[in-house]
């Protein structure tokens, strides 16, 4: 599994806010299992829920260009 920047962002910001996964789940309106899956970098999570989690920190997932895939630049 490649580095999951969203998972890292959520985990680090949740901890910085002093929230447990359970507290974060309750405050964000998400299920605890989803929060755990998200922080573990599960690749098949729903984007609407990802954005719901990111909204807790004033962020949202938006399209962005992938710079390198397996050592090759993307045009």
N, C-alpha and C. Protein backbone atom coordinates (compact mmCIF):
# COMPACT_ATOMS: atom_id res chain seq x y z
N UNK A 1 0.84 -1.18 0.00
CA UNK A 1 0.00 0.00 0.00
C UNK A 1 0.89 1.24 0.00
N UNK A 2 0.56 2.20 -0.84
CA UNK A 2 1.37 3.41 -0.89
C UNK A 2 0.99 4.35 0.24
N UNK A 3 1.85 5.33 0.47
CA UNK A 3 1.63 6.31 1.52
C UNK A 3 0.25 6.96 1.34
N UNK A 4 -0.53 7.00 2.39
CA UNK A 4 -1.85 7.58 2.33
C UNK A 4 -1.84 8.89 3.10
N UNK A 5 -1.72 10.00 2.38
CA UNK A 5 -1.58 11.30 3.02
C UNK A 5 -2.84 11.72 3.77
N UNK A 6 -4.00 11.31 3.28
CA UNK A 6 -5.24 11.65 3.98
C UNK A 6 -5.29 10.92 5.32
N UNK A 7 -4.96 9.64 5.33
CA UNK A 7 -4.96 8.87 6.57
C UNK A 7 -4.01 9.51 7.59
N UNK A 8 -2.83 9.86 7.14
CA UNK A 8 -1.85 10.49 8.03
C UNK A 8 -2.35 11.83 8.53
N UNK A 9 -2.93 12.63 7.64
CA UNK A 9 -3.45 13.94 8.02
C UNK A 9 -4.53 13.81 9.09
N UNK A 10 -5.50 12.92 8.86
CA UNK A 10 -6.59 12.74 9.81
C UNK A 10 -6.05 12.28 11.16
N UNK A 11 -5.21 11.26 11.15
CA UNK A 11 -4.67 10.70 12.40
C UNK A 11 -3.90 11.76 13.19
N UNK A 12 -2.99 12.47 12.51
CA UNK A 12 -2.15 13.46 13.19
C UNK A 12 -2.99 14.62 13.73
N UNK A 13 -3.95 15.09 12.95
CA UNK A 13 -4.77 16.22 13.39
C UNK A 13 -5.76 15.81 14.48
N UNK A 14 -6.26 14.60 14.40
CA UNK A 14 -7.14 14.11 15.46
C UNK A 14 -6.39 14.06 16.78
N UNK A 15 -5.19 13.51 16.74
CA UNK A 15 -4.38 13.41 17.96
C UNK A 15 -4.00 14.80 18.47
N UNK A 16 -3.64 15.70 17.56
CA UNK A 16 -3.29 17.07 17.96
C UNK A 16 -4.47 17.77 18.62
N UNK A 17 -5.69 17.41 18.21
CA UNK A 17 -6.90 17.98 18.81
C UNK A 17 -7.25 17.31 20.14
N UNK A 18 -6.47 16.29 20.50
CA UNK A 18 -6.70 15.59 21.75
C UNK A 18 -7.92 14.69 21.75
N UNK A 19 -8.28 14.18 20.56
CA UNK A 19 -9.47 13.33 20.42
C UNK A 19 -9.07 11.87 20.23
N UNK A 20 -9.80 10.98 20.87
CA UNK A 20 -9.66 9.56 20.58
C UNK A 20 -10.39 9.30 19.26
N UNK A 21 -10.19 8.12 18.70
CA UNK A 21 -10.93 7.78 17.49
C UNK A 21 -12.43 7.80 17.76
N UNK A 22 -12.83 7.32 18.91
CA UNK A 22 -14.26 7.29 19.25
C UNK A 22 -14.82 8.71 19.37
N UNK A 23 -14.10 9.60 20.05
CA UNK A 23 -14.55 10.98 20.19
C UNK A 23 -14.64 11.67 18.82
N UNK A 24 -13.63 11.42 17.98
CA UNK A 24 -13.64 12.00 16.64
C UNK A 24 -14.84 11.49 15.84
N UNK A 25 -15.11 10.19 15.94
CA UNK A 25 -16.24 9.61 15.22
C UNK A 25 -17.55 10.27 15.64
N UNK A 26 -17.75 10.45 16.93
CA UNK A 26 -18.98 11.05 17.43
C UNK A 26 -19.09 12.51 16.96
N UNK A 27 -18.03 13.26 17.11
CA UNK A 27 -18.07 14.69 16.74
C UNK A 27 -18.24 14.91 15.24
N UNK A 28 -17.69 14.01 14.45
CA UNK A 28 -17.77 14.18 12.99
C UNK A 28 -19.03 13.53 12.41
N UNK A 29 -19.74 12.75 13.21
CA UNK A 29 -20.93 12.07 12.73
C UNK A 29 -20.62 10.83 11.91
N UNK A 30 -19.42 10.30 12.08
CA UNK A 30 -19.00 9.10 11.35
C UNK A 30 -18.97 7.92 12.30
N UNK A 31 -18.99 6.73 11.73
CA UNK A 31 -18.88 5.52 12.54
C UNK A 31 -17.44 5.27 12.95
N UNK A 32 -17.28 4.66 14.12
CA UNK A 32 -15.95 4.35 14.62
C UNK A 32 -15.19 3.44 13.66
N UNK A 33 -15.87 2.45 13.10
CA UNK A 33 -15.19 1.54 12.16
C UNK A 33 -14.67 2.31 10.95
N UNK A 34 -15.46 3.27 10.44
CA UNK A 34 -15.00 4.06 9.30
C UNK A 34 -13.76 4.85 9.67
N UNK A 35 -13.76 5.49 10.83
CA UNK A 35 -12.60 6.28 11.27
C UNK A 35 -11.36 5.38 11.36
N UNK A 36 -11.52 4.20 11.91
CA UNK A 36 -10.38 3.27 12.02
C UNK A 36 -9.89 2.86 10.63
N UNK A 37 -10.81 2.52 9.74
CA UNK A 37 -10.43 2.14 8.37
C UNK A 37 -9.72 3.29 7.67
N UNK A 38 -10.25 4.49 7.83
CA UNK A 38 -9.66 5.67 7.19
C UNK A 38 -8.24 5.90 7.68
N UNK A 39 -8.03 5.86 8.99
CA UNK A 39 -6.70 6.10 9.55
C UNK A 39 -5.71 4.98 9.21
N UNK A 40 -6.21 3.80 8.91
CA UNK A 40 -5.34 2.70 8.52
C UNK A 40 -5.04 2.71 7.02
N UNK A 41 -5.63 3.67 6.31
CA UNK A 41 -5.34 3.82 4.89
C UNK A 41 -6.11 2.89 3.98
N UNK A 42 -7.25 2.37 4.45
CA UNK A 42 -8.06 1.50 3.60
C UNK A 42 -8.40 2.25 2.32
N UNK A 43 -8.20 1.62 1.19
CA UNK A 43 -8.35 2.29 -0.09
C UNK A 43 -9.78 2.34 -0.60
N UNK A 44 -10.69 1.60 0.00
CA UNK A 44 -12.06 1.57 -0.51
C UNK A 44 -13.01 2.26 0.45
N UNK A 45 -12.70 3.50 0.80
CA UNK A 45 -13.60 4.27 1.65
C UNK A 45 -14.40 5.23 0.79
N UNK A 46 -15.56 5.64 1.28
CA UNK A 46 -16.43 6.55 0.53
C UNK A 46 -15.90 7.98 0.60
N UNK A 47 -15.81 8.62 -0.55
CA UNK A 47 -15.27 9.96 -0.63
C UNK A 47 -16.12 10.96 0.15
N UNK A 48 -17.43 10.80 0.14
CA UNK A 48 -18.26 11.74 0.91
C UNK A 48 -17.94 11.67 2.40
N UNK A 49 -17.66 10.48 2.89
CA UNK A 49 -17.31 10.33 4.30
C UNK A 49 -15.90 10.84 4.57
N UNK A 50 -15.00 10.64 3.62
CA UNK A 50 -13.65 11.19 3.76
C UNK A 50 -13.75 12.71 3.91
N UNK A 51 -14.55 13.33 3.06
CA UNK A 51 -14.72 14.78 3.13
C UNK A 51 -15.41 15.20 4.43
N UNK A 52 -16.28 14.39 4.95
CA UNK A 52 -16.92 14.68 6.23
C UNK A 52 -15.86 14.70 7.34
N UNK A 53 -14.93 13.76 7.29
CA UNK A 53 -13.85 13.72 8.28
C UNK A 53 -12.91 14.90 8.10
N UNK A 54 -12.52 15.19 6.85
CA UNK A 54 -11.62 16.31 6.58
C UNK A 54 -12.24 17.65 6.96
N UNK A 55 -13.56 17.77 6.86
CA UNK A 55 -14.25 19.01 7.20
C UNK A 55 -14.05 19.40 8.66
N UNK A 56 -13.76 18.43 9.51
CA UNK A 56 -13.48 18.72 10.91
C UNK A 56 -12.26 19.64 11.06
N UNK A 57 -11.40 19.65 10.04
CA UNK A 57 -10.18 20.45 10.07
C UNK A 57 -10.18 21.51 8.98
N UNK A 58 -11.38 21.82 8.45
CA UNK A 58 -11.50 22.85 7.43
C UNK A 58 -10.90 22.46 6.09
N UNK A 59 -10.88 21.18 5.78
CA UNK A 59 -10.27 20.68 4.55
C UNK A 59 -11.27 19.84 3.77
N UNK A 60 -10.95 19.58 2.48
CA UNK A 60 -11.72 18.64 1.66
C UNK A 60 -10.78 18.01 0.65
N UNK A 61 -11.13 16.82 0.20
CA UNK A 61 -10.35 16.13 -0.83
C UNK A 61 -10.73 16.70 -2.18
N UNK A 62 -9.74 17.06 -2.96
CA UNK A 62 -9.97 17.61 -4.29
C UNK A 62 -9.05 16.90 -5.28
N UNK A 63 -9.41 16.88 -6.55
CA UNK A 63 -8.54 16.25 -7.54
C UNK A 63 -7.17 16.93 -7.58
N UNK A 64 -6.17 16.13 -7.72
CA UNK A 64 -4.81 16.66 -7.84
C UNK A 64 -3.99 15.75 -8.75
N UNK A 65 -3.01 16.31 -9.40
CA UNK A 65 -2.18 15.56 -10.32
C UNK A 65 -1.22 14.65 -9.54
N UNK A 66 -1.13 13.42 -9.96
CA UNK A 66 -0.18 12.47 -9.40
C UNK A 66 1.16 12.73 -10.05
N UNK A 67 2.19 12.95 -9.24
CA UNK A 67 3.48 13.34 -9.79
C UNK A 67 4.29 12.13 -10.28
N UNK A 68 4.31 11.07 -9.49
CA UNK A 68 5.11 9.90 -9.88
C UNK A 68 4.34 8.63 -9.57
N UNK A 69 4.29 7.73 -10.53
CA UNK A 69 3.70 6.42 -10.33
C UNK A 69 4.75 5.39 -10.71
N UNK A 70 5.18 4.60 -9.74
CA UNK A 70 6.18 3.55 -9.97
C UNK A 70 7.38 4.07 -10.75
N UNK A 71 7.89 5.22 -10.35
CA UNK A 71 9.10 5.75 -10.94
C UNK A 71 8.93 6.49 -12.25
N UNK A 72 7.72 6.58 -12.79
CA UNK A 72 7.47 7.27 -14.05
C UNK A 72 6.69 8.54 -13.80
N UNK A 73 7.04 9.60 -14.50
CA UNK A 73 6.28 10.83 -14.39
C UNK A 73 4.98 10.72 -15.18
N UNK A 74 3.96 11.30 -14.65
CA UNK A 74 2.67 11.33 -15.32
C UNK A 74 2.62 12.62 -16.14
N UNK A 75 2.20 12.56 -17.41
CA UNK A 75 2.17 13.77 -18.23
C UNK A 75 1.21 14.81 -17.71
